[in-house]
Amino acid sequence: MSRKAFLALSALGVASLASAAAQAHVTLETREARSGTSYKAVLRVSHGCTGSPTTKVSAQIPEGVIAVKPMPKPGWQIETVRGPYGQSYPYFHGQQLSEGVKEIVWSGGKLADDHYDEFVFSAYLARDLKPGPVYIPVTQQCEKGEWRWVDIPANGQDSHALKSPAPALIILAQQSEPGGGHGAATTGEAKTYKAGSLTVEGPWARATPGGAKVAGGYLTITNTGQEPDRLIGGTVPFARRFEVHEMAMEGGIMRMRPLANGLEIKPGETVELKPGAHHLMFLDLTSGLKVGQSVKGTLQFEKAGKVDVEFKVSPIGSGAPKPAGHSHHH
């Protein structure tokens, strides 16, 4: 083998090892969830400590992740550390929770370096949690050595630059029901669409009265990537024009105006388009919107490109369709 070929193969080997290391972090199986819902956290451990088997795994529970219960794991003992929350959180059936599990420790087992396993707990994501990432620092102890997956990115920092990143859970915005609450009429379950690092949830619109020439569209967009993107426009078959608008106070008056450069969705950010805030405007309608319809449309993003969606049509004055997967937690 020539020296040039040998160096090339060596470089490839180093790159492969670096890539493997980058994928070897403790991660969450489900990396997105909505506040105000139950959540099953599955921590995936895919390696030991430089060949040494894992014997202990501990997870720190972030603020706002409440009612935590670890799943029993054959061959492992489980300990929990309880403490007060930073505030009292509303829970089911009128309960208020002010303390709970702050740390879970699995110990006494032995996970070989060349084996993979999962460490699981259930929780409730408090409605107070704001959209964006929350982090679950994990310490992985082995017979020889340990890994501390506890690094959290600073504002604007790329998480891929961290040597030992903590597992991250992206909190999605709650599906709102403007004006109301539980009594608002809805039509079916909200749908989710993905395009690259963007997740589009629950597109919906309100029915229009006879002769109307404009209509509004609403949805939620989450950016789980490392680069910003922009919603710059789109098309619908029932309107000649499609614009992205904002509502803003000017001189004490609430004014609506189109966003000439579109709506930015920053990395780790969730943006909710809703009545009275950012929203879509369908102008010069060629046909009205009727309750119960599912009308097709296309969103245009600056980087993610075109995304085909369906807008559920709710009654005039009502809120969004309920999100899919809504369930109680006990």
C-alpha atoms as a PDB file:
ATOM      1  CA  MET A   1       0.000   0.000   0.000  1.00  0.00           C
ATOM      2  CA  SER A   2       1.355   3.459  -0.911  1.00  0.00           C
ATOM      3  CA  ARG A   3       1.951   6.034   1.812  1.00  0.00           C
ATOM      4  CA  LYS A   4      -0.668   8.287   0.206  1.00  0.00           C
ATOM      5  CA  ALA A   5      -3.294   5.538   0.291  1.00  0.00           C
ATOM      6  CA  PHE A   6      -2.383   4.648   3.854  1.00  0.00           C
ATOM      7  CA  LEU A   7      -2.799   8.268   5.005  1.00  0.00           C
ATOM      8  CA  ALA A   8      -6.119   8.528   3.210  1.00  0.00           C
ATOM      9  CA  LEU A   9      -7.421   5.366   4.881  1.00  0.00           C
ATOM     10  CA  SER A  10      -6.131   6.557   8.261  1.00  0.00           C
ATOM     11  CA  ALA A  11      -7.937   9.867   7.859  1.00  0.00           C
ATOM     12  CA  LEU A  12     -11.114   8.031   6.919  1.00  0.00           C
ATOM     13  CA  GLY A  13     -10.773   5.847  10.003  1.00  0.00           C
ATOM     14  CA  VAL A  14     -10.338   8.848  12.286  1.00  0.00           C
ATOM     15  CA  ALA A  15     -13.355  10.539  10.716  1.00  0.00           C
ATOM     16  CA  SER A  16     -15.418   7.382  11.208  1.00  0.00           C
ATOM     17  CA  LEU A  17     -14.412   7.170  14.861  1.00  0.00           C
ATOM     18  CA  ALA A  18     -15.294  10.831  15.360  1.00  0.00           C
ATOM     19  CA  SER A  19     -18.651  10.254  13.701  1.00  0.00           C
ATOM     20  CA  ALA A  20     -19.299   7.214  15.897  1.00  0.00           C
ATOM     21  CA  ALA A  21     -18.409   9.201  18.999  1.00  0.00           C
ATOM     22  CA  ALA A  22     -20.802  11.955  17.953  1.00  0.00           C
ATOM     23  CA  GLN A  23     -23.602   9.397  17.766  1.00  0.00           C
ATOM     24  CA  ALA A  24     -22.670   7.725  21.053  1.00  0.00           C
ATOM     25  CA  HIS A  25     -24.243  10.254  23.408  1.00  0.00           C
ATOM     26  CA  VAL A  26     -27.074   9.332  25.759  1.00  0.00           C
ATOM     27  CA  THR A  27     -30.174  10.477  23.879  1.00  0.00           C
ATOM     28  CA  LEU A  28     -33.955  10.574  24.216  1.00  0.00           C
ATOM     29  CA  GLU A  29     -36.002   8.292  21.989  1.00  0.00           C
ATOM     30  CA  THR A  30     -38.799  10.886  21.702  1.00  0.00           C
ATOM     31  CA  ARG A  31     -37.284  14.334  21.373  1.00  0.00           C
ATOM     32  CA  GLU A  32     -40.419  16.468  21.002  1.00  0.00           C
ATOM     33  CA  ALA A  33     -43.504  16.766  23.200  1.00  0.00           C
ATOM     34  CA  ARG A  34     -46.213  19.286  23.967  1.00  0.00           C
ATOM     35  CA  SER A  35     -46.538  21.071  27.294  1.00  0.00           C
ATOM     36  CA  GLY A  36     -49.606  20.088  29.286  1.00  0.00           C
ATOM     37  CA  THR A  37     -49.339  16.403  28.270  1.00  0.00           C
ATOM     38  CA  SER A  38     -47.965  13.133  29.589  1.00  0.00           C
ATOM     39  CA  TYR A  39     -44.499  12.108  28.429  1.00  0.00           C
ATOM     40  CA  LYS A  40     -42.599   8.819  28.397  1.00  0.00           C
ATOM     41  CA  ALA A  41     -38.863   9.510  28.601  1.00  0.00           C
ATOM     42  CA  VAL A  42     -36.687   6.744  27.151  1.00  0.00           C
ATOM     43  CA  LEU A  43     -32.984   7.398  27.774  1.00  0.00           C
ATOM     44  CA  ARG A  44     -30.901   5.368  25.327  1.00  0.00           C
ATOM     45  CA  VAL A  45     -27.446   4.239  26.469  1.00  0.00           C
ATOM     46  CA  SER A  46     -25.469   2.788  23.576  1.00  0.00           C
ATOM     47  CA  HIS A  47     -21.949   2.298  24.965  1.00  0.00           C
ATOM     48  CA  GLY A  48     -19.830   2.074  28.108  1.00  0.00           C
ATOM     49  CA  CYS A  49     -16.746   4.013  29.192  1.00  0.00           C
ATOM     50  CA  THR A  50     -13.960   3.217  26.733  1.00  0.00           C
ATOM     51  CA  GLY A  51     -14.762  -0.478  26.872  1.00  0.00           C
ATOM     52  CA  SER A  52     -15.787  -0.625  30.532  1.00  0.00           C
ATOM     53  CA  PRO A  53     -19.386  -1.721  31.316  1.00  0.00           C
ATOM     54  CA  THR A  54     -21.972   0.731  32.685  1.00  0.00           C
ATOM     55  CA  THR A  55     -23.019   0.070  36.284  1.00  0.00           C
ATOM     56  CA  LYS A  56     -24.934   3.210  37.250  1.00  0.00           C
ATOM     57  CA  VAL A  57     -27.072   5.790  35.420  1.00  0.00           C
ATOM     58  CA  SER A  58     -28.465   8.910  37.086  1.00  0.00           C
ATOM     59  CA  ALA A  59     -30.790  11.479  35.519  1.00  0.00           C
ATOM     60  CA  GLN A  60     -31.486  14.995  36.786  1.00  0.00           C
ATOM     61  CA  ILE A  61     -35.124  16.029  36.287  1.00  0.00           C
ATOM     62  CA  PRO A  62     -35.548  19.601  34.993  1.00  0.00           C
ATOM     63  CA  GLU A  63     -37.965  22.127  36.453  1.00  0.00           C
ATOM     64  CA  GLY A  64     -41.468  21.785  35.013  1.00  0.00           C
ATOM     65  CA  VAL A  65     -41.175  18.044  34.428  1.00  0.00           C
ATOM     66  CA  ILE A  66     -43.405  16.784  37.219  1.00  0.00           C
ATOM     67  CA  ALA A  67     -45.140  13.666  38.571  1.00  0.00           C
ATOM     68  CA  VAL A  68     -42.113  11.585  37.590  1.00  0.00           C
ATOM     69  CA  LYS A  69     -42.263   7.789  38.011  1.00  0.00           C
ATOM     70  CA  PRO A  70     -39.347   5.534  36.976  1.00  0.00           C
ATOM     71  CA  MET A  71     -40.130   2.218  35.294  1.00  0.00           C
ATOM     72  CA  PRO A  72     -38.856  -0.886  37.161  1.00  0.00           C
ATOM     73  CA  LYS A  73     -35.858  -2.412  35.393  1.00  0.00           C
ATOM     74  CA  PRO A  74     -34.939  -6.097  35.905  1.00  0.00           C
ATOM     75  CA  GLY A  75     -31.463  -6.480  37.369  1.00  0.00           C
ATOM     76  CA  TRP A  76     -31.233  -2.849  38.472  1.00  0.00           C
ATOM     77  CA  GLN A  77     -32.145  -1.061  41.711  1.00  0.00           C
ATOM     78  CA  ILE A  78     -33.902   2.289  41.487  1.00  0.00           C
ATOM     79  CA  GLU A  79     -33.529   5.185  43.885  1.00  0.00           C
ATOM     80  CA  THR A  80     -35.240   8.560  43.646  1.00  0.00           C
ATOM     81  CA  VAL A  81     -34.335  11.876  45.228  1.00  0.00           C
ATOM     82  CA  ARG A  82     -37.345  14.048  46.002  1.00  0.00           C
ATOM     83  CA  GLY A  83     -37.476  17.759  46.624  1.00  0.00           C
ATOM     84  CA  PRO A  84     -39.588  20.912  46.226  1.00  0.00           C
ATOM     85  CA  TYR A  85     -40.347  22.330  42.814  1.00  0.00           C
ATOM     86  CA  GLY A  86     -39.555  25.942  42.034  1.00  0.00           C
ATOM     87  CA  GLN A  87     -43.311  26.599  42.086  1.00  0.00           C
ATOM     88  CA  SER A  88     -46.624  24.812  42.453  1.00  0.00           C
ATOM     89  CA  TYR A  89     -47.930  23.263  39.210  1.00  0.00           C
ATOM     90  CA  PRO A  90     -51.551  22.471  38.236  1.00  0.00           C
ATOM     91  CA  TYR A  91     -52.084  18.761  37.642  1.00  0.00           C
ATOM     92  CA  PHE A  92     -55.084  16.546  36.859  1.00  0.00           C
ATOM     93  CA  HIS A  93     -58.342  16.572  38.830  1.00  0.00           C
ATOM     94  CA  GLY A  94     -57.616  19.952  40.393  1.00  0.00           C
ATOM     95  CA  GLN A  95     -54.408  18.836  42.110  1.00  0.00           C
ATOM     96  CA  GLN A  96     -51.495  21.207  42.711  1.00  0.00           C
ATOM     97  CA  LEU A  97     -48.034  19.587  42.864  1.00  0.00           C
ATOM     98  CA  SER A  98     -45.316  21.456  44.739  1.00  0.00           C
ATOM     99  CA  GLU A  99     -42.726  18.677  45.130  1.00  0.00           C
ATOM    100  CA  GLY A 100     -41.675  15.457  43.472  1.00  0.00           C
ATOM    101  CA  VAL A 101     -38.818  13.435  42.021  1.00  0.00           C
ATOM    102  CA  LYS A 102     -35.768  15.563  41.185  1.00  0.00           C
ATOM    103  CA  GLU A 103     -33.322  12.755  40.372  1.00  0.00           C
ATOM    104  CA  ILE A 104     -33.485   9.073  39.396  1.00  0.00           C
ATOM    105  CA  VAL A 105     -30.598   6.650  39.947  1.00  0.00           C
ATOM    106  CA  TRP A 106     -30.429   3.188  38.375  1.00  0.00           C
ATOM    107  CA  SER A 107     -27.640   1.045  39.873  1.00  0.00           C
ATOM    108  CA  GLY A 108     -26.552  -2.523  40.534  1.00  0.00           C
ATOM    109  CA  GLY A 109     -26.775  -3.704  36.936  1.00  0.00           C
ATOM    110  CA  LYS A 110     -24.071  -4.283  34.367  1.00  0.00           C
ATOM    111  CA  LEU A 111     -24.436  -3.087  30.776  1.00  0.00           C
ATOM    112  CA  ALA A 112     -21.564  -4.282  28.591  1.00  0.00           C
ATOM    113  CA  ASP A 113     -19.851  -1.754  26.343  1.00  0.00           C
ATOM    114  CA  ASP A 114     -20.981  -3.587  23.204  1.00  0.00           C
ATOM    115  CA  HIS A 115     -24.637  -3.755  24.340  1.00  0.00           C
ATOM    116  CA  TYR A 116     -27.458  -1.190  24.227  1.00  0.00           C
ATOM    117  CA  ASP A 117     -30.215  -0.541  26.772  1.00  0.00           C
ATOM    118  CA  GLU A 118     -32.943   1.914  27.759  1.00  0.00           C
ATOM    119  CA  PHE A 119     -33.765   3.620  31.063  1.00  0.00           C
ATOM    120  CA  VAL A 120     -37.368   4.798  31.263  1.00  0.00           C
ATOM    121  CA  PHE A 121     -39.560   7.109  33.340  1.00  0.00           C
ATOM    122  CA  SER A 122     -42.979   8.696  32.883  1.00  0.00           C
ATOM    123  CA  ALA A 123     -43.744  12.340  33.616  1.00  0.00           C
ATOM    124  CA  TYR A 124     -46.150  15.187  33.039  1.00  0.00           C
ATOM    125  CA  LEU A 125     -44.915  18.278  31.191  1.00  0.00           C
ATOM    126  CA  ALA A 126     -46.347  21.243  33.062  1.00  0.00           C
ATOM    127  CA  ARG A 127     -48.443  23.685  31.069  1.00  0.00           C
ATOM    128  CA  ASP A 128     -46.110  26.437  32.300  1.00  0.00           C
ATOM    129  CA  LEU A 129     -43.195  25.051  30.264  1.00  0.00           C
ATOM    130  CA  LYS A 130     -42.300  27.465  27.491  1.00  0.00           C
ATOM    131  CA  PRO A 131     -41.671  26.249  23.929  1.00  0.00           C
ATOM    132  CA  GLY A 132     -38.046  25.349  23.315  1.00  0.00           C
ATOM    133  CA  PRO A 133     -35.526  22.871  24.695  1.00  0.00           C
ATOM    134  CA  VAL A 134     -35.310  21.496  28.231  1.00  0.00           C
ATOM    135  CA  TYR A 135     -32.334  19.379  29.235  1.00  0.00           C
ATOM    136  CA  ILE A 136     -32.042  16.180  31.280  1.00  0.00           C
ATOM    137  CA  PRO A 137     -28.420  15.898  32.475  1.00  0.00           C
ATOM    138  CA  VAL A 138     -27.304  12.261  32.765  1.00  0.00           C
ATOM    139  CA  THR A 139     -24.283  10.781  34.505  1.00  0.00           C
ATOM    140  CA  GLN A 140     -23.157   7.340  33.306  1.00  0.00           C
ATOM    141  CA  GLN A 141     -20.803   5.546  35.711  1.00  0.00           C
ATOM    142  CA  CYS A 142     -18.822   2.474  34.692  1.00  0.00           C
ATOM    143  CA  GLU A 143     -16.566  -0.044  36.379  1.00  0.00           C
ATOM    144  CA  LYS A 144     -13.717   2.145  35.144  1.00  0.00           C
ATOM    145  CA  GLY A 145     -14.441   5.793  34.494  1.00  0.00           C
ATOM    146  CA  GLU A 146     -17.629   7.724  33.783  1.00  0.00           C
ATOM    147  CA  TRP A 147     -19.355   9.933  31.223  1.00  0.00           C
ATOM    148  CA  ARG A 148     -21.123  13.109  32.320  1.00  0.00           C
ATOM    149  CA  TRP A 149     -23.686  14.057  29.700  1.00  0.00           C
ATOM    150  CA  VAL A 150     -24.428  17.411  31.320  1.00  0.00           C
ATOM    151  CA  ASP A 151     -23.302  20.147  28.901  1.00  0.00           C
ATOM    152  CA  ILE A 152     -26.037  22.655  28.009  1.00  0.00           C
ATOM    153  CA  PRO A 153     -25.518  25.112  25.125  1.00  0.00           C
ATOM    154  CA  ALA A 154     -25.321  28.810  25.859  1.00  0.00           C
ATOM    155  CA  ASN A 155     -27.641  31.158  23.983  1.00  0.00           C
ATOM    156  CA  GLY A 156     -26.802  30.945  20.282  1.00  0.00           C
ATOM    157  CA  GLN A 157     -24.312  28.097  20.745  1.00  0.00           C
ATOM    158  CA  ASP A 158     -24.434  25.073  18.451  1.00  0.00           C
ATOM    159  CA  SER A 159     -25.178  21.992  20.591  1.00  0.00           C
ATOM    160  CA  HIS A 160     -23.081  19.912  18.191  1.00  0.00           C
ATOM    161  CA  ALA A 161     -20.025  21.800  19.447  1.00  0.00           C
ATOM    162  CA  LEU A 162     -20.503  20.415  22.970  1.00  0.00           C
ATOM    163  CA  LYS A 163     -18.274  17.547  24.013  1.00  0.00           C
ATOM    164  CA  SER A 164     -20.806  15.912  26.361  1.00  0.00           C
ATOM    165  CA  PRO A 165     -24.281  17.302  25.583  1.00  0.00           C
ATOM    166  CA  ALA A 166     -27.193  16.651  27.930  1.00  0.00           C
ATOM    167  CA  PRO A 167     -30.201  14.918  26.314  1.00  0.00           C
ATOM    168  CA  ALA A 168     -32.591  17.591  25.010  1.00  0.00           C
ATOM    169  CA  LEU A 169     -36.382  17.542  24.832  1.00  0.00           C
ATOM    170  CA  ILE A 170     -38.050  20.136  22.593  1.00  0.00           C
ATOM    171  CA  ILE A 171     -41.219  21.483  24.200  1.00  0.00           C
ATOM    172  CA  LEU A 172     -43.899  22.295  21.635  1.00  0.00           C
ATOM    173  CA  ALA A 173     -46.478  25.009  22.181  1.00  0.00           C
ATOM    174  CA  GLN A 174     -49.904  24.055  23.435  1.00  0.00           C
ATOM    175  CA  GLN A 175     -52.621  23.913  20.816  1.00  0.00           C
ATOM    176  CA  SER A 176     -54.604  27.036  21.640  1.00  0.00           C
ATOM    177  CA  GLU A 177     -58.338  27.537  21.613  1.00  0.00           C
ATOM    178  CA  PRO A 178     -58.788  31.303  21.339  1.00  0.00           C
ATOM    179  CA  GLY A 179     -61.643  32.789  23.278  1.00  0.00           C
ATOM    180  CA  GLY A 180     -62.134  29.846  25.063  1.00  0.00           C
ATOM    181  CA  GLY A 181     -61.585  27.324  26.365  1.00  0.00           C
ATOM    182  CA  HIS A 182     -63.114  23.959  26.594  1.00  0.00           C
ATOM    183  CA  GLY A 183     -66.399  25.020  25.055  1.00  0.00           C
ATOM    184  CA  ALA A 184     -64.988  25.944  21.662  1.00  0.00           C
ATOM    185  CA  ALA A 185     -66.156  23.724  18.836  1.00  0.00           C
ATOM    186  CA  THR A 186     -63.467  21.823  16.974  1.00  0.00           C
ATOM    187  CA  THR A 187     -63.321  19.508  14.002  1.00  0.00           C
ATOM    188  CA  GLY A 188     -61.243  16.364  14.273  1.00  0.00           C
ATOM    189  CA  GLU A 189     -57.606  15.952  15.258  1.00  0.00           C
ATOM    190  CA  ALA A 190     -54.765  18.256  14.299  1.00  0.00           C
ATOM    191  CA  LYS A 191     -52.194  16.890  11.866  1.00  0.00           C
ATOM    192  CA  THR A 192     -48.412  17.159  11.907  1.00  0.00           C
ATOM    193  CA  TYR A 193     -46.113  17.670   8.919  1.00  0.00           C
ATOM    194  CA  LYS A 194     -42.305  17.581   8.727  1.00  0.00           C
ATOM    195  CA  ALA A 195     -39.845  19.241   6.372  1.00  0.00           C
ATOM    196  CA  GLY A 196     -36.188  18.888   7.265  1.00  0.00           C
ATOM    197  CA  SER A 197     -35.727  20.271  10.771  1.00  0.00           C
ATOM    198  CA  LEU A 198     -39.155  21.944  10.769  1.00  0.00           C
ATOM    199  CA  THR A 199     -42.336  20.495  12.258  1.00  0.00           C
ATOM    200  CA  VAL A 200     -45.659  22.059  11.241  1.00  0.00           C
ATOM    201  CA  GLU A 201     -48.559  21.237  13.533  1.00  0.00           C
ATOM    202  CA  GLY A 202     -52.323  21.609  13.341  1.00  0.00           C
ATOM    203  CA  PRO A 203     -53.017  23.904  10.369  1.00  0.00           C
ATOM    204  CA  TRP A 204     -56.549  25.277  10.689  1.00  0.00           C
ATOM    205  CA  ALA A 205     -58.753  28.094   9.487  1.00  0.00           C
ATOM    206  CA  ARG A 206     -62.091  29.590  10.444  1.00  0.00           C
ATOM    207  CA  ALA A 207     -65.191  29.284   8.310  1.00  0.00           C
ATOM    208  CA  THR A 208     -66.080  32.415   6.348  1.00  0.00           C
ATOM    209  CA  PRO A 209     -69.425  34.229   6.149  1.00  0.00           C
ATOM    210  CA  GLY A 210     -71.111  34.579   2.770  1.00  0.00           C
ATOM    211  CA  GLY A 211     -69.416  37.045   0.444  1.00  0.00           C
ATOM    212  CA  ALA A 212     -66.185  37.214   2.472  1.00  0.00           C
ATOM    213  CA  LYS A 213     -63.048  38.030   0.501  1.00  0.00           C
ATOM    214  CA  VAL A 214     -60.448  37.244   3.189  1.00  0.00           C
ATOM    215  CA  ALA A 215     -59.786  34.397   5.609  1.00  0.00           C
ATOM    216  CA  GLY A 216     -57.186  33.602   8.243  1.00  0.00           C
ATOM    217  CA  GLY A 217     -54.974  30.552   8.660  1.00  0.00           C
ATOM    218  CA  TYR A 218     -53.200  29.336  11.788  1.00  0.00           C
ATOM    219  CA  LEU A 219     -50.626  26.698  12.745  1.00  0.00           C
ATOM    220  CA  THR A 220     -47.574  26.008  14.899  1.00  0.00           C
ATOM    221  CA  ILE A 221     -44.010  25.682  13.599  1.00  0.00           C
ATOM    222  CA  THR A 222     -41.064  24.224  15.549  1.00  0.00           C
ATOM    223  CA  ASN A 223     -37.451  24.386  14.393  1.00  0.00           C
ATOM    224  CA  THR A 224     -35.389  21.517  15.859  1.00  0.00           C
ATOM    225  CA  GLY A 225     -32.359  22.254  13.684  1.00  0.00           C
ATOM    226  CA  GLN A 226     -29.263  24.401  14.113  1.00  0.00           C
ATOM    227  CA  GLU A 227     -30.093  27.054  11.492  1.00  0.00           C
ATOM    228  CA  PRO A 228     -32.940  29.585  11.291  1.00  0.00           C
ATOM    229  CA  ASP A 229     -35.559  29.334   8.580  1.00  0.00           C
ATOM    230  CA  ARG A 230     -38.360  31.601   7.357  1.00  0.00           C
ATOM    231  CA  LEU A 231     -41.967  31.100   6.359  1.00  0.00           C
ATOM    232  CA  ILE A 232     -42.095  33.373   3.324  1.00  0.00           C
ATOM    233  CA  GLY A 233     -45.456  32.546   1.738  1.00  0.00           C
ATOM    234  CA  GLY A 234     -47.514  29.817   0.161  1.00  0.00           C
ATOM    235  CA  THR A 235     -50.585  29.061  -1.929  1.00  0.00           C
ATOM    236  CA  VAL A 236     -54.146  27.815  -1.434  1.00  0.00           C
ATOM    237  CA  PRO A 237     -56.576  26.934  -4.231  1.00  0.00           C
ATOM    238  CA  PHE A 238     -59.410  29.030  -2.762  1.00  0.00           C
ATOM    239  CA  ALA A 239     -57.553  32.392  -2.709  1.00  0.00           C
ATOM    240  CA  ARG A 240     -55.540  34.382  -5.223  1.00  0.00           C
ATOM    241  CA  ARG A 241     -53.104  35.760  -2.641  1.00  0.00           C
ATOM    242  CA  PHE A 242     -51.343  34.246   0.376  1.00  0.00           C
ATOM    243  CA  GLU A 243     -49.497  36.434   2.886  1.00  0.00           C
ATOM    244  CA  VAL A 244     -47.815  36.083   6.280  1.00  0.00           C
ATOM    245  CA  HIS A 245     -49.066  38.820   8.652  1.00  0.00           C
ATOM    246  CA  GLU A 246     -48.331  40.160  12.105  1.00  0.00           C
ATOM    247  CA  MET A 247     -50.420  42.134  14.584  1.00  0.00           C
ATOM    248  CA  ALA A 248     -48.502  44.934  16.285  1.00  0.00           C
ATOM    249  CA  MET A 249     -49.249  47.996  18.422  1.00  0.00           C
ATOM    250  CA  GLU A 250     -48.462  51.289  16.680  1.00  0.00           C
ATOM    251  CA  GLY A 251     -49.300  54.544  18.434  1.00  0.00           C
ATOM    252  CA  GLY A 252     -51.610  52.721  20.800  1.00  0.00           C
ATOM    253  CA  ILE A 253     -53.528  51.119  17.920  1.00  0.00           C
ATOM    254  CA  MET A 254     -53.359  47.429  16.990  1.00  0.00           C
ATOM    255  CA  ARG A 255     -52.459  47.197  13.320  1.00  0.00           C
ATOM    256  CA  MET A 256     -52.126  44.258  10.949  1.00  0.00           C
ATOM    257  CA  ARG A 257     -49.474  44.198   8.261  1.00  0.00           C
ATOM    258  CA  PRO A 258     -47.752  41.709   5.949  1.00  0.00           C
ATOM    259  CA  LEU A 259     -44.201  40.605   6.736  1.00  0.00           C
ATOM    260  CA  ALA A 260     -42.209  41.500   3.636  1.00  0.00           C
ATOM    261  CA  ASN A 261     -39.342  39.172   4.587  1.00  0.00           C
ATOM    262  CA  GLY A 262     -41.467  36.410   6.041  1.00  0.00           C
ATOM    263  CA  LEU A 263     -41.574  35.025   9.578  1.00  0.00           C
ATOM    264  CA  GLU A 264     -38.318  33.787  11.107  1.00  0.00           C
ATOM    265  CA  ILE A 265     -38.233  30.528  13.099  1.00  0.00           C
ATOM    266  CA  LYS A 266     -35.006  30.402  15.091  1.00  0.00           C
ATOM    267  CA  PRO A 267     -33.193  27.178  16.102  1.00  0.00           C
ATOM    268  CA  GLY A 268     -34.963  25.522  19.039  1.00  0.00           C
ATOM    269  CA  GLU A 269     -37.905  27.924  18.738  1.00  0.00           C
ATOM    270  CA  THR A 270     -41.606  27.210  18.417  1.00  0.00           C
ATOM    271  CA  VAL A 271     -43.747  29.891  16.765  1.00  0.00           C
ATOM    272  CA  GLU A 272     -47.519  29.761  17.012  1.00  0.00           C
ATOM    273  CA  LEU A 273     -49.577  31.531  14.369  1.00  0.00           C
ATOM    274  CA  LYS A 274     -52.921  32.348  15.995  1.00  0.00           C
ATOM    275  CA  PRO A 275     -55.717  34.940  16.010  1.00  0.00           C
ATOM    276  CA  GLY A 276     -54.520  38.296  17.314  1.00  0.00           C
ATOM    277  CA  ALA A 277     -50.853  37.521  16.604  1.00  0.00           C
ATOM    278  CA  HIS A 278     -48.832  36.224  13.669  1.00  0.00           C
ATOM    279  CA  HIS A 279     -51.129  34.487  11.185  1.00  0.00           C
ATOM    280  CA  LEU A 280     -51.691  33.658   7.535  1.00  0.00           C
ATOM    281  CA  MET A 281     -53.965  35.792   5.388  1.00  0.00           C
ATOM    282  CA  PHE A 282     -55.826  34.352   2.402  1.00  0.00           C
ATOM    283  CA  LEU A 283     -56.901  37.266   0.181  1.00  0.00           C
ATOM    284  CA  ASP A 284     -59.230  37.579  -2.803  1.00  0.00           C
ATOM    285  CA  LEU A 285     -61.106  34.378  -2.003  1.00  0.00           C
ATOM    286  CA  THR A 286     -62.493  32.479  -4.965  1.00  0.00           C
ATOM    287  CA  SER A 287     -64.673  30.292  -2.706  1.00  0.00           C
ATOM    288  CA  GLY A 288     -65.715  30.322   0.939  1.00  0.00           C
ATOM    289  CA  LEU A 289     -64.610  28.008   3.745  1.00  0.00           C
ATOM    290  CA  LYS A 290     -67.224  25.758   5.332  1.00  0.00           C
ATOM    291  CA  VAL A 291     -67.187  24.072   8.741  1.00  0.00           C
ATOM    292  CA  GLY A 292     -65.838  20.536   8.576  1.00  0.00           C
ATOM    293  CA  GLN A 293     -63.852  20.996   5.397  1.00  0.00           C
ATOM    294  CA  SER A 294     -60.228  19.968   5.011  1.00  0.00           C
ATOM    295  CA  VAL A 295     -58.691  22.304   2.454  1.00  0.00           C
ATOM    296  CA  LYS A 296     -55.289  21.757   0.914  1.00  0.00           C
ATOM    297  CA  GLY A 297     -52.531  24.316   0.789  1.00  0.00           C
ATOM    298  CA  THR A 298     -48.781  24.705   0.393  1.00  0.00           C
ATOM    299  CA  LEU A 299     -46.396  26.537   2.722  1.00  0.00           C
ATOM    300  CA  GLN A 300     -43.185  28.005   1.306  1.00  0.00           C
ATOM    301  CA  PHE A 301     -40.104  28.133   3.540  1.00  0.00           C
ATOM    302  CA  GLU A 302     -36.848  29.833   2.656  1.00  0.00           C
ATOM    303  CA  LYS A 303     -34.693  26.749   3.323  1.00  0.00           C
ATOM    304  CA  ALA A 304     -37.039  23.809   3.881  1.00  0.00           C
ATOM    305  CA  GLY A 305     -38.868  24.575   0.628  1.00  0.00           C
ATOM    306  CA  LYS A 306     -42.490  23.683  -0.053  1.00  0.00           C
ATOM    307  CA  VAL A 307     -44.630  21.764   2.448  1.00  0.00           C
ATOM    308  CA  ASP A 308     -48.075  20.487   1.460  1.00  0.00           C
ATOM    309  CA  VAL A 309     -50.611  20.698   4.318  1.00  0.00           C
ATOM    310  CA  GLU A 310     -54.346  20.522   4.975  1.00  0.00           C
ATOM    311  CA  PHE A 311     -56.236  23.204   6.885  1.00  0.00           C
ATOM    312  CA  LYS A 312     -59.094  21.994   9.069  1.00  0.00           C
ATOM    313  CA  VAL A 313     -61.981  24.460   8.996  1.00  0.00           C
ATOM    314  CA  SER A 314     -63.520  25.307  12.389  1.00  0.00           C
ATOM    315  CA  PRO A 315     -66.679  27.335  13.053  1.00  0.00           C
ATOM    316  CA  ILE A 316     -66.548  31.141  13.061  1.00  0.00           C
ATOM    317  CA  GLY A 317     -65.220  32.337  16.422  1.00  0.00           C
ATOM    318  CA  SER A 318     -64.016  28.892  17.500  1.00  0.00           C
ATOM    319  CA  GLY A 319     -60.553  27.567  18.226  1.00  0.00           C
ATOM    320  CA  ALA A 320     -58.123  25.092  16.770  1.00  0.00           C
ATOM    321  CA  PRO A 321     -58.735  21.362  16.340  1.00  0.00           C
ATOM    322  CA  LYS A 322     -57.538  19.388  19.348  1.00  0.00           C
ATOM    323  CA  PRO A 323     -53.989  17.999  19.086  1.00  0.00           C
ATOM    324  CA  ALA A 324     -53.517  14.336  18.288  1.00  0.00           C
ATOM    325  CA  GLY A 325     -52.452  12.018  21.074  1.00  0.00           C
ATOM    326  CA  HIS A 326     -54.168  13.940  23.889  1.00  0.00           C
ATOM    327  CA  SER A 327     -54.315  11.758  26.957  1.00  0.00           C
ATOM    328  CA  HIS A 328     -54.537  11.837  30.733  1.00  0.00           C
ATOM    329  CA  HIS A 329     -51.681  10.904  33.007  1.00  0.00           C
ATOM    330  CA  HIS A 330     -52.262   9.083  36.269  1.00  0.00           C
END
